């Protein structure tokens, strides 16, 4: 509009409007009618730019709110994992004693829900890790329920139990670093027998007495039932027996 008014004013001052007889209300009216499409287009462009700026501002605000919500959910994860770790250690003690009745601690469902709540706010890679941990936790509890696993014997349930504990610790470890803001995401990497058994080292004493060797042998048997016997395992067992006699 200012552009059109400027053109009209410029024409009037230069005397170029004197010959415009078809404009009964003067030069300004002539230029306004002649350039009204240009004026409307200019105003539309200005309005579109203002709308784009507003949309971008709203988008930035939405991203900031989402980021703050994600951070609030992340910082609660390590505390929830710590609660779960105490529970898993309790379950391990019952497994080590070969007595499922010693598992008297109730699952920390609130901790699991805290981790689940962080899933929708996390990046796609971390979401997969959270999903894996959640599903494994549900499977772990289902396998420990006698009424739902009446077809499984005690030995089978104990074998599944120790492998499940290994998987739970494996899925939890990357989420610790994610919750502590040490890494941008907790990428899921498929596990192997070796990586799972390494996550049971935290439970096994450093000493290699008869009780510890029995625990390690039971672990190997449990993993053998799910992954198959490792090549050369029999020779290693014989070597361990020889070292025990020594």
C-alpha atoms as a PDB file:
ATOM      1  CA  UNK A   1       0.000   0.000   0.000  1.00  0.00           C
ATOM      2  CA  UNK A   2       2.818   2.370   0.837  1.00  0.00           C
ATOM      3  CA  UNK A   3       4.450   1.542  -2.481  1.00  0.00           C
ATOM      4  CA  UNK A   4       1.292   2.429  -4.432  1.00  0.00           C
ATOM      5  CA  UNK A   5       0.728   5.638  -2.488  1.00  0.00           C
ATOM      6  CA  UNK A   6       4.336   6.583  -3.178  1.00  0.00           C
ATOM      7  CA  UNK A   7       3.850   6.083  -6.896  1.00  0.00           C
ATOM      8  CA  UNK A   8       0.718   8.238  -6.839  1.00  0.00           C
ATOM      9  CA  UNK A   9       2.413  10.982  -4.883  1.00  0.00           C
ATOM     10  CA  UNK A  10       5.436  10.925  -7.175  1.00  0.00           C
ATOM     11  CA  UNK A  11       3.244  11.211 -10.259  1.00  0.00           C
ATOM     12  CA  UNK A  12       1.339  14.137  -8.795  1.00  0.00           C
ATOM     13  CA  UNK A  13       4.484  16.078  -7.928  1.00  0.00           C
ATOM     14  CA  UNK A  14       5.934  15.558 -11.381  1.00  0.00           C
ATOM     15  CA  UNK A  15       2.723  16.751 -13.086  1.00  0.00           C
ATOM     16  CA  UNK A  16       2.331  13.497 -14.983  1.00  0.00           C
ATOM     17  CA  UNK A  17      -1.251  13.063 -13.787  1.00  0.00           C
ATOM     18  CA  UNK A  18      -2.566  16.117 -15.610  1.00  0.00           C
ATOM     19  CA  UNK A  19      -3.379  14.090 -18.726  1.00  0.00           C
ATOM     20  CA  UNK A  20      -5.364  11.405 -16.854  1.00  0.00           C
ATOM     21  CA  UNK A  21      -8.862  12.559 -17.686  1.00  0.00           C
ATOM     22  CA  UNK A  22     -10.547   9.233 -16.913  1.00  0.00           C
ATOM     23  CA  UNK A  23      -9.743   9.532 -13.232  1.00  0.00           C
ATOM     24  CA  UNK A  24     -12.548  11.723 -11.881  1.00  0.00           C
ATOM     25  CA  UNK A  25     -11.087  11.746  -8.369  1.00  0.00           C
ATOM     26  CA  UNK A  26      -7.557  12.534  -9.406  1.00  0.00           C
ATOM     27  CA  UNK A  27      -4.223  10.871  -9.895  1.00  0.00           C
ATOM     28  CA  UNK A  28      -4.175   9.014  -6.591  1.00  0.00           C
ATOM     29  CA  UNK A  29      -7.390   7.192  -7.466  1.00  0.00           C
ATOM     30  CA  UNK A  30      -5.995   6.230 -10.875  1.00  0.00           C
ATOM     31  CA  UNK A  31      -2.828   4.720  -9.437  1.00  0.00           C
ATOM     32  CA  UNK A  32      -4.693   2.943  -6.644  1.00  0.00           C
ATOM     33  CA  UNK A  33      -7.052   1.231  -9.098  1.00  0.00           C
ATOM     34  CA  UNK A  34      -4.234   0.467 -11.521  1.00  0.00           C
ATOM     35  CA  UNK A  35      -1.925  -1.163  -8.937  1.00  0.00           C
ATOM     36  CA  UNK A  36      -4.485  -2.678  -6.567  1.00  0.00           C
ATOM     37  CA  UNK A  37      -3.479  -6.232  -7.622  1.00  0.00           C
ATOM     38  CA  UNK A  38       0.159  -5.471  -6.893  1.00  0.00           C
ATOM     39  CA  UNK A  39      -0.791  -3.967  -3.541  1.00  0.00           C
ATOM     40  CA  UNK A  40      -2.920  -6.990  -2.627  1.00  0.00           C
ATOM     41  CA  UNK A  41      -0.095  -9.343  -3.604  1.00  0.00           C
ATOM     42  CA  UNK A  42       2.389  -7.391  -1.514  1.00  0.00           C
ATOM     43  CA  UNK A  43       0.092  -7.444   1.499  1.00  0.00           C
ATOM     44  CA  UNK A  44      -0.440 -11.207   1.004  1.00  0.00           C
ATOM     45  CA  UNK A  45       3.318 -11.773   0.948  1.00  0.00           C
ATOM     46  CA  UNK A  46       3.761  -9.751   4.118  1.00  0.00           C
ATOM     47  CA  UNK A  47       0.942 -11.675   5.807  1.00  0.00           C
ATOM     48  CA  UNK A  48       2.406 -14.999   4.706  1.00  0.00           C
ATOM     49  CA  UNK A  49       5.837 -14.010   6.056  1.00  0.00           C
ATOM     50  CA  UNK A  50       4.354 -12.983   9.386  1.00  0.00           C
ATOM     51  CA  UNK A  51       2.458 -16.295   9.563  1.00  0.00           C
ATOM     52  CA  UNK A  52       5.654 -18.244   8.737  1.00  0.00           C
ATOM     53  CA  UNK A  53       7.512 -16.411  11.511  1.00  0.00           C
ATOM     54  CA  UNK A  54       4.722 -17.258  13.955  1.00  0.00           C
ATOM     55  CA  UNK A  55       4.713 -20.926  12.914  1.00  0.00           C
ATOM     56  CA  UNK A  56       8.484 -21.159  13.300  1.00  0.00           C
ATOM     57  CA  UNK A  57       8.261 -19.579  16.729  1.00  0.00           C
ATOM     58  CA  UNK A  58       5.541 -22.019  17.795  1.00  0.00           C
ATOM     59  CA  UNK A  59       7.607 -24.911  16.422  1.00  0.00           C
ATOM     60  CA  UNK A  60      10.644 -23.796  18.415  1.00  0.00           C
ATOM     61  CA  UNK A  61       8.528 -23.529  21.549  1.00  0.00           C
ATOM     62  CA  UNK A  62       7.083 -27.018  20.957  1.00  0.00           C
ATOM     63  CA  UNK A  63      10.563 -28.476  20.454  1.00  0.00           C
ATOM     64  CA  UNK A  64      11.798 -26.772  23.613  1.00  0.00           C
ATOM     65  CA  UNK A  65       8.882 -28.135  25.623  1.00  0.00           C
ATOM     66  CA  UNK A  66       9.488 -31.619  24.205  1.00  0.00           C
ATOM     67  CA  UNK A  67      13.203 -31.369  25.005  1.00  0.00           C
ATOM     68  CA  UNK A  68      12.488 -30.324  28.576  1.00  0.00           C
ATOM     69  CA  UNK A  69      10.009 -33.182  28.988  1.00  0.00           C
ATOM     70  CA  UNK A  70      12.567 -35.633  27.588  1.00  0.00           C
ATOM     71  CA  UNK A  71      15.234 -34.408  30.010  1.00  0.00           C
ATOM     72  CA  UNK A  72      12.811 -34.666  32.926  1.00  0.00           C
ATOM     73  CA  UNK A  73      12.036 -38.253  31.933  1.00  0.00           C
ATOM     74  CA  UNK A  74      15.696 -39.162  31.342  1.00  0.00           C
ATOM     75  CA  UNK A  75      16.988 -38.024  34.718  1.00  0.00           C
ATOM     76  CA  UNK A  76      14.544 -40.373  36.434  1.00  0.00           C
ATOM     77  CA  UNK A  77      15.810 -43.441  34.584  1.00  0.00           C
ATOM     78  CA  UNK A  78      19.000 -44.139  36.626  1.00  0.00           C
ATOM     79  CA  UNK A  79      17.080 -44.137  39.903  1.00  0.00           C
ATOM     80  CA  UNK A  80      14.506 -46.526  38.446  1.00  0.00           C
ATOM     81  CA  UNK A  81      17.271 -48.788  37.121  1.00  0.00           C
ATOM     82  CA  UNK A  82      18.929 -48.797  40.543  1.00  0.00           C
ATOM     83  CA  UNK A  83      15.702 -50.101  42.063  1.00  0.00           C
ATOM     84  CA  UNK A  84      15.478 -52.776  39.404  1.00  0.00           C
ATOM     85  CA  UNK A  85      19.121 -53.751  39.961  1.00  0.00           C
ATOM     86  CA  UNK A  86      18.417 -54.386  43.646  1.00  0.00           C
ATOM     87  CA  UNK A  87      15.477 -56.549  42.672  1.00  0.00           C
ATOM     88  CA  UNK A  88      17.491 -58.486  40.084  1.00  0.00           C
ATOM     89  CA  UNK A  89      20.222 -59.122  42.671  1.00  0.00           C
ATOM     90  CA  UNK A  90      17.556 -60.477  45.007  1.00  0.00           C
ATOM     91  CA  UNK A  91      16.354 -62.781  42.235  1.00  0.00           C
ATOM     92  CA  UNK A  92      19.921 -63.867  41.549  1.00  0.00           C
ATOM     93  CA  UNK A  93      20.413 -64.821  45.201  1.00  0.00           C
ATOM     94  CA  UNK A  94      17.315 -67.042  44.978  1.00  0.00           C
ATOM     95  CA  UNK A  95      18.703 -68.599  41.793  1.00  0.00           C
ATOM     96  CA  UNK A  96      22.121 -69.188  43.353  1.00  0.00           C
ATOM     97  CA  UNK A  97      20.450 -70.984  46.249  1.00  0.00           C
ATOM     98  CA  UNK A  98      18.333 -73.021  43.781  1.00  0.00           C
ATOM     99  CA  UNK A  99      15.284 -72.102  45.838  1.00  0.00           C
ATOM    100  CA  UNK A 100      12.611 -69.978  44.151  1.00  0.00           C
ATOM    101  CA  UNK A 101      10.734 -69.632  47.438  1.00  0.00           C
ATOM    102  CA  UNK A 102      13.506 -67.277  48.578  1.00  0.00           C
ATOM    103  CA  UNK A 103      12.314 -64.729  46.033  1.00  0.00           C
ATOM    104  CA  UNK A 104      10.117 -62.745  48.375  1.00  0.00           C
ATOM    105  CA  UNK A 105      10.659 -59.215  47.032  1.00  0.00           C
ATOM    106  CA  UNK A 106       7.846 -57.835  44.893  1.00  0.00           C
ATOM    107  CA  UNK A 107       8.785 -56.443  41.477  1.00  0.00           C
ATOM    108  CA  UNK A 108       9.300 -52.643  41.515  1.00  0.00           C
ATOM    109  CA  UNK A 109       6.501 -51.886  39.090  1.00  0.00           C
ATOM    110  CA  UNK A 110       6.803 -48.137  39.626  1.00  0.00           C
ATOM    111  CA  UNK A 111      10.404 -48.257  38.415  1.00  0.00           C
ATOM    112  CA  UNK A 112       9.349 -50.132  35.291  1.00  0.00           C
ATOM    113  CA  UNK A 113       6.573 -47.607  34.654  1.00  0.00           C
ATOM    114  CA  UNK A 114       9.070 -44.764  35.017  1.00  0.00           C
ATOM    115  CA  UNK A 115      11.245 -46.260  32.300  1.00  0.00           C
ATOM    116  CA  UNK A 116       8.222 -46.967  30.108  1.00  0.00           C
ATOM    117  CA  UNK A 117       7.081 -43.343  30.443  1.00  0.00           C
ATOM    118  CA  UNK A 118      10.409 -42.171  28.999  1.00  0.00           C
ATOM    119  CA  UNK A 119       9.924 -44.258  25.861  1.00  0.00           C
ATOM    120  CA  UNK A 120       7.563 -42.003  23.859  1.00  0.00           C
ATOM    121  CA  UNK A 121       9.806 -38.987  24.519  1.00  0.00           C
ATOM    122  CA  UNK A 122      13.051 -40.720  23.546  1.00  0.00           C
ATOM    123  CA  UNK A 123      14.734 -40.919  20.172  1.00  0.00           C
ATOM    124  CA  UNK A 124      13.976 -43.985  17.986  1.00  0.00           C
ATOM    125  CA  UNK A 125      17.144 -45.883  18.986  1.00  0.00           C
ATOM    126  CA  UNK A 126      16.606 -45.361  22.711  1.00  0.00           C
ATOM    127  CA  UNK A 127      12.948 -46.263  22.315  1.00  0.00           C
ATOM    128  CA  UNK A 128      13.991 -49.702  21.037  1.00  0.00           C
ATOM    129  CA  UNK A 129      16.256 -50.217  24.078  1.00  0.00           C
ATOM    130  CA  UNK A 130      13.468 -49.204  26.455  1.00  0.00           C
ATOM    131  CA  UNK A 131      11.037 -51.479  24.646  1.00  0.00           C
ATOM    132  CA  UNK A 132      13.452 -54.418  24.900  1.00  0.00           C
ATOM    133  CA  UNK A 133      13.933 -53.885  28.638  1.00  0.00           C
ATOM    134  CA  UNK A 134      10.199 -53.552  29.250  1.00  0.00           C
ATOM    135  CA  UNK A 135       9.271 -56.679  27.292  1.00  0.00           C
ATOM    136  CA  UNK A 136      12.062 -58.674  28.933  1.00  0.00           C
ATOM    137  CA  UNK A 137      10.888 -57.558  32.372  1.00  0.00           C
ATOM    138  CA  UNK A 138       7.379 -58.770  31.613  1.00  0.00           C
ATOM    139  CA  UNK A 139       8.678 -62.100  30.306  1.00  0.00           C
ATOM    140  CA  UNK A 140      10.888 -62.497  33.368  1.00  0.00           C
ATOM    141  CA  UNK A 141       7.996 -62.062  35.775  1.00  0.00           C
ATOM    142  CA  UNK A 142       5.757 -64.361  33.734  1.00  0.00           C
ATOM    143  CA  UNK A 143       8.328 -67.155  33.855  1.00  0.00           C
ATOM    144  CA  UNK A 144       8.646 -66.827  37.614  1.00  0.00           C
ATOM    145  CA  UNK A 145       4.909 -67.280  38.148  1.00  0.00           C
ATOM    146  CA  UNK A 146       4.289 -70.950  39.006  1.00  0.00           C
ATOM    147  CA  UNK A 147       0.639 -70.949  37.941  1.00  0.00           C
ATOM    148  CA  UNK A 148       1.489 -69.718  34.456  1.00  0.00           C
ATOM    149  CA  UNK A 149       4.426 -72.074  34.069  1.00  0.00           C
ATOM    150  CA  UNK A 150       3.164 -75.284  35.596  1.00  0.00           C
ATOM    151  CA  UNK A 151       4.559 -77.195  32.619  1.00  0.00           C
ATOM    152  CA  UNK A 152       8.113 -76.042  33.417  1.00  0.00           C
ATOM    153  CA  UNK A 153      10.155 -77.900  35.982  1.00  0.00           C
ATOM    154  CA  UNK A 154      12.188 -76.141  38.640  1.00  0.00           C
ATOM    155  CA  UNK A 155      15.432 -76.734  36.783  1.00  0.00           C
ATOM    156  CA  UNK A 156      14.026 -75.265  33.560  1.00  0.00           C
ATOM    157  CA  UNK A 157      12.693 -72.227  35.349  1.00  0.00           C
ATOM    158  CA  UNK A 158      16.021 -71.675  37.091  1.00  0.00           C
ATOM    159  CA  UNK A 159      17.823 -71.959  33.759  1.00  0.00           C
ATOM    160  CA  UNK A 160      15.545 -69.404  32.131  1.00  0.00           C
ATOM    161  CA  UNK A 161      15.797 -67.215  35.212  1.00  0.00           C
ATOM    162  CA  UNK A 162      19.562 -66.682  35.112  1.00  0.00           C
ATOM    163  CA  UNK A 163      19.599 -66.013  31.363  1.00  0.00           C
ATOM    164  CA  UNK A 164      16.769 -63.509  31.816  1.00  0.00           C
ATOM    165  CA  UNK A 165      18.715 -61.738  34.572  1.00  0.00           C
ATOM    166  CA  UNK A 166      21.674 -61.473  32.207  1.00  0.00           C
ATOM    167  CA  UNK A 167      19.477 -60.007  29.457  1.00  0.00           C
ATOM    168  CA  UNK A 168      17.892 -57.497  31.827  1.00  0.00           C
ATOM    169  CA  UNK A 169      21.282 -56.214  32.939  1.00  0.00           C
ATOM    170  CA  UNK A 170      22.442 -56.096  29.324  1.00  0.00           C
ATOM    171  CA  UNK A 171      19.464 -53.960  28.276  1.00  0.00           C
ATOM    172  CA  UNK A 172      19.775 -51.722  31.341  1.00  0.00           C
ATOM    173  CA  UNK A 173      23.443 -50.741  31.061  1.00  0.00           C
ATOM    174  CA  UNK A 174      23.137 -48.392  28.027  1.00  0.00           C
ATOM    175  CA  UNK A 175      20.152 -46.688  29.658  1.00  0.00           C
ATOM    176  CA  UNK A 176      22.270 -45.718  32.677  1.00  0.00           C
ATOM    177  CA  UNK A 177      24.547 -43.596  30.498  1.00  0.00           C
ATOM    178  CA  UNK A 178      21.539 -42.182  28.644  1.00  0.00           C
ATOM    179  CA  UNK A 179      19.781 -41.190  31.857  1.00  0.00           C
ATOM    180  CA  UNK A 180      22.939 -39.538  33.198  1.00  0.00           C
ATOM    181  CA  UNK A 181      23.212 -37.398  30.030  1.00  0.00           C
ATOM    182  CA  UNK A 182      26.532 -39.057  29.190  1.00  0.00           C
ATOM    183  CA  UNK A 183      25.360 -40.200  25.754  1.00  0.00           C
ATOM    184  CA  UNK A 184      22.772 -38.688  23.373  1.00  0.00           C
ATOM    185  CA  UNK A 185      20.991 -42.016  22.966  1.00  0.00           C
ATOM    186  CA  UNK A 186      20.985 -45.633  24.134  1.00  0.00           C
ATOM    187  CA  UNK A 187      21.413 -47.610  20.953  1.00  0.00           C
ATOM    188  CA  UNK A 188      20.246 -51.211  20.967  1.00  0.00           C
ATOM    189  CA  UNK A 189      22.851 -53.785  19.934  1.00  0.00           C
ATOM    190  CA  UNK A 190      21.801 -57.455  19.665  1.00  0.00           C
ATOM    191  CA  UNK A 191      23.319 -59.561  22.411  1.00  0.00           C
ATOM    192  CA  UNK A 192      25.458 -62.666  22.175  1.00  0.00           C
ATOM    193  CA  UNK A 193      26.078 -65.441  24.645  1.00  0.00           C
ATOM    194  CA  UNK A 194      29.435 -63.926  25.578  1.00  0.00           C
ATOM    195  CA  UNK A 195      28.084 -60.422  26.196  1.00  0.00           C
ATOM    196  CA  UNK A 196      25.237 -61.790  28.293  1.00  0.00           C
ATOM    197  CA  UNK A 197      27.488 -63.927  30.464  1.00  0.00           C
ATOM    198  CA  UNK A 198      29.793 -60.967  30.985  1.00  0.00           C
ATOM    199  CA  UNK A 199      26.896 -59.112  32.575  1.00  0.00           C
ATOM    200  CA  UNK A 200      26.676 -61.823  35.227  1.00  0.00           C
ATOM    201  CA  UNK A 201      30.254 -61.200  36.369  1.00  0.00           C
ATOM    202  CA  UNK A 202      28.975 -58.552  38.782  1.00  0.00           C
ATOM    203  CA  UNK A 203      27.285 -61.288  40.790  1.00  0.00           C
ATOM    204  CA  UNK A 204      30.101 -63.828  40.826  1.00  0.00           C
ATOM    205  CA  UNK A 205      32.804 -63.494  43.523  1.00  0.00           C
ATOM    206  CA  UNK A 206      36.386 -63.096  42.375  1.00  0.00           C
ATOM    207  CA  UNK A 207      37.485 -66.091  44.381  1.00  0.00           C
ATOM    208  CA  UNK A 208      37.311 -69.413  42.599  1.00  0.00           C
ATOM    209  CA  UNK A 209      36.348 -71.785  45.358  1.00  0.00           C
ATOM    210  CA  UNK A 210      34.117 -74.831  44.981  1.00  0.00           C
ATOM    211  CA  UNK A 211      30.899 -72.856  45.485  1.00  0.00           C
ATOM    212  CA  UNK A 212      31.851 -70.298  42.841  1.00  0.00           C
ATOM    213  CA  UNK A 213      32.825 -72.986  40.344  1.00  0.00           C
ATOM    214  CA  UNK A 214      29.482 -74.650  40.909  1.00  0.00           C
ATOM    215  CA  UNK A 215      27.727 -71.354  40.178  1.00  0.00           C
ATOM    216  CA  UNK A 216      29.738 -70.877  36.979  1.00  0.00           C
ATOM    217  CA  UNK A 217      28.997 -74.424  35.851  1.00  0.00           C
ATOM    218  CA  UNK A 218      25.281 -73.923  36.432  1.00  0.00           C
ATOM    219  CA  UNK A 219      25.413 -70.716  34.416  1.00  0.00           C
ATOM    220  CA  UNK A 220      27.107 -72.527  31.541  1.00  0.00           C
ATOM    221  CA  UNK A 221      24.474 -75.244  31.639  1.00  0.00           C
ATOM    222  CA  UNK A 222      21.693 -72.656  31.561  1.00  0.00           C
ATOM    223  CA  UNK A 223      23.221 -70.895  28.570  1.00  0.00           C
ATOM    224  CA  UNK A 224      23.911 -74.226  26.869  1.00  0.00           C
ATOM    225  CA  UNK A 225      20.199 -74.978  27.021  1.00  0.00           C
ATOM    226  CA  UNK A 226      19.391 -71.805  25.081  1.00  0.00           C
ATOM    227  CA  UNK A 227      22.444 -71.227  22.897  1.00  0.00           C
ATOM    228  CA  UNK A 228      23.875 -74.707  22.547  1.00  0.00           C
ATOM    229  CA  UNK A 229      27.099 -76.063  23.935  1.00  0.00           C
ATOM    230  CA  UNK A 230      30.185 -74.065  23.026  1.00  0.00           C
ATOM    231  CA  UNK A 231      32.962 -75.775  21.075  1.00  0.00           C
ATOM    232  CA  UNK A 232      35.734 -76.928  23.386  1.00  0.00           C
ATOM    233  CA  UNK A 233      33.629 -76.451  26.508  1.00  0.00           C
ATOM    234  CA  UNK A 234      34.139 -80.052  27.585  1.00  0.00           C
ATOM    235  CA  UNK A 235      37.918 -79.691  27.485  1.00  0.00           C
ATOM    236  CA  UNK A 236      37.657 -76.484  29.511  1.00  0.00           C
ATOM    237  CA  UNK A 237      35.554 -78.267  32.134  1.00  0.00           C
ATOM    238  CA  UNK A 238      38.211 -80.942  32.497  1.00  0.00           C
ATOM    239  CA  UNK A 239      40.900 -78.268  32.889  1.00  0.00           C
ATOM    240  CA  UNK A 240      38.844 -76.527  35.586  1.00  0.00           C
ATOM    241  CA  UNK A 241      38.463 -79.803  37.457  1.00  0.00           C
ATOM    242  CA  UNK A 242      42.245 -80.332  37.317  1.00  0.00           C
ATOM    243  CA  UNK A 243      42.862 -76.805  38.685  1.00  0.00           C
ATOM    244  CA  UNK A 244      40.403 -77.470  41.502  1.00  0.00           C
ATOM    245  CA  UNK A 245      42.337 -80.553  42.538  1.00  0.00           C
ATOM    246  CA  UNK A 246      45.509 -78.509  42.498  1.00  0.00           C
END
